Amino acid sequence: MARIHYASKGFREQSEILTRNDVSLKLKGKVYVICVKSAMVYGSETWVMNAEQIGRFEWTEIMWCVSEG
């Protein structure tokens, strides 16, 4: 899915901030929502998603959270 690709690119671009220990979780959360999650769900209000696509989005988001911690 192209959206996951764009969101992955955003995650990689912001990984320096998202993986730093001296940055608060609140700020990391804001950066994640603004730069990563927004890219992943852009235009989603017009999509019809099946269970597989929903699962892929959820799995991707979980993997980012695990790799950040």
Protein backbone atom coordinates (compact mmCIF):
# COMPACT_ATOMS: atom_id res chain seq x y z
CA MET A 1 0.00 0.00 0.00
CA ALA A 2 1.35 3.37 -1.00
CA ARG A 3 0.14 5.08 2.18
CA ILE A 4 2.24 2.78 4.35
CA HIS A 5 5.23 3.54 2.13
CA TYR A 6 4.78 7.30 2.57
CA ALA A 7 4.26 6.92 6.31
CA SER A 8 7.39 4.75 6.55
CA LYS A 9 9.34 7.45 4.79
CA GLY A 10 8.02 10.01 7.28
CA PHE A 11 8.96 7.74 10.17
CA ARG A 12 12.51 7.32 8.85
CA GLU A 13 12.84 11.08 8.35
CA GLN A 14 11.77 11.73 11.94
CA SER A 15 13.55 8.75 13.50
CA GLU A 16 16.26 10.92 15.02
CA ILE A 17 13.65 12.73 17.11
CA LEU A 18 11.51 9.67 17.75
CA THR A 19 14.39 7.55 19.09
CA ARG A 20 16.16 10.13 21.26
CA ASN A 21 16.08 9.57 25.02
CA ASP A 22 16.18 13.28 25.86
CA VAL A 23 12.93 14.06 23.99
CA SER A 24 9.70 13.77 25.97
CA LEU A 25 7.11 11.15 25.06
CA LYS A 26 4.56 13.95 24.64
CA LEU A 27 6.69 15.60 21.95
CA LYS A 28 7.43 12.25 20.29
CA GLY A 29 3.70 11.57 20.18
CA LYS A 30 2.99 14.92 18.55
CA VAL A 31 5.73 14.40 15.94
CA TYR A 32 4.43 10.90 15.23
CA VAL A 33 0.83 12.03 14.77
CA ILE A 34 1.72 15.06 12.65
CA CYS A 35 4.45 13.59 10.44
CA VAL A 36 3.81 9.87 10.30
CA LYS A 37 0.22 8.98 11.08
CA SER A 38 -1.18 11.84 9.00
CA ALA A 39 0.72 10.51 5.96
CA MET A 40 -0.63 7.02 6.54
CA VAL A 41 -4.29 7.99 6.79
CA TYR A 42 -4.31 10.87 4.29
CA GLY A 43 -7.50 10.65 2.27
CA SER A 44 -8.77 7.67 4.28
CA GLU A 45 -12.24 9.16 4.69
CA THR A 46 -12.87 8.19 1.06
CA TRP A 47 -11.45 4.65 1.26
CA VAL A 48 -13.27 1.41 1.64
CA MET A 49 -10.84 -0.76 3.60
CA ASN A 50 -11.07 -4.51 4.02
CA ALA A 51 -9.91 -6.45 7.08
CA GLU A 52 -6.50 -7.21 5.53
CA GLN A 53 -5.75 -3.53 4.91
CA ILE A 54 -6.84 -2.55 8.41
CA GLY A 55 -4.60 -5.28 9.80
CA ARG A 56 -1.63 -4.05 7.77
CA PHE A 57 -2.09 -0.50 9.04
CA GLU A 58 -2.40 -1.67 12.66
CA TRP A 59 0.62 -4.00 12.35
CA THR A 60 2.74 -1.24 10.81
CA GLU A 61 1.85 1.18 13.58
CA ILE A 62 2.64 -1.41 16.27
CA MET A 63 6.01 -2.18 14.69
CA TRP A 64 6.92 1.53 14.65
CA CYS A 65 6.02 1.83 18.32
CA VAL A 66 8.13 -1.23 19.18
CA SER A 67 11.11 -0.02 17.17
CA GLU A 68 10.89 3.42 18.82
CA GLY A 69 11.01 2.04 22.36
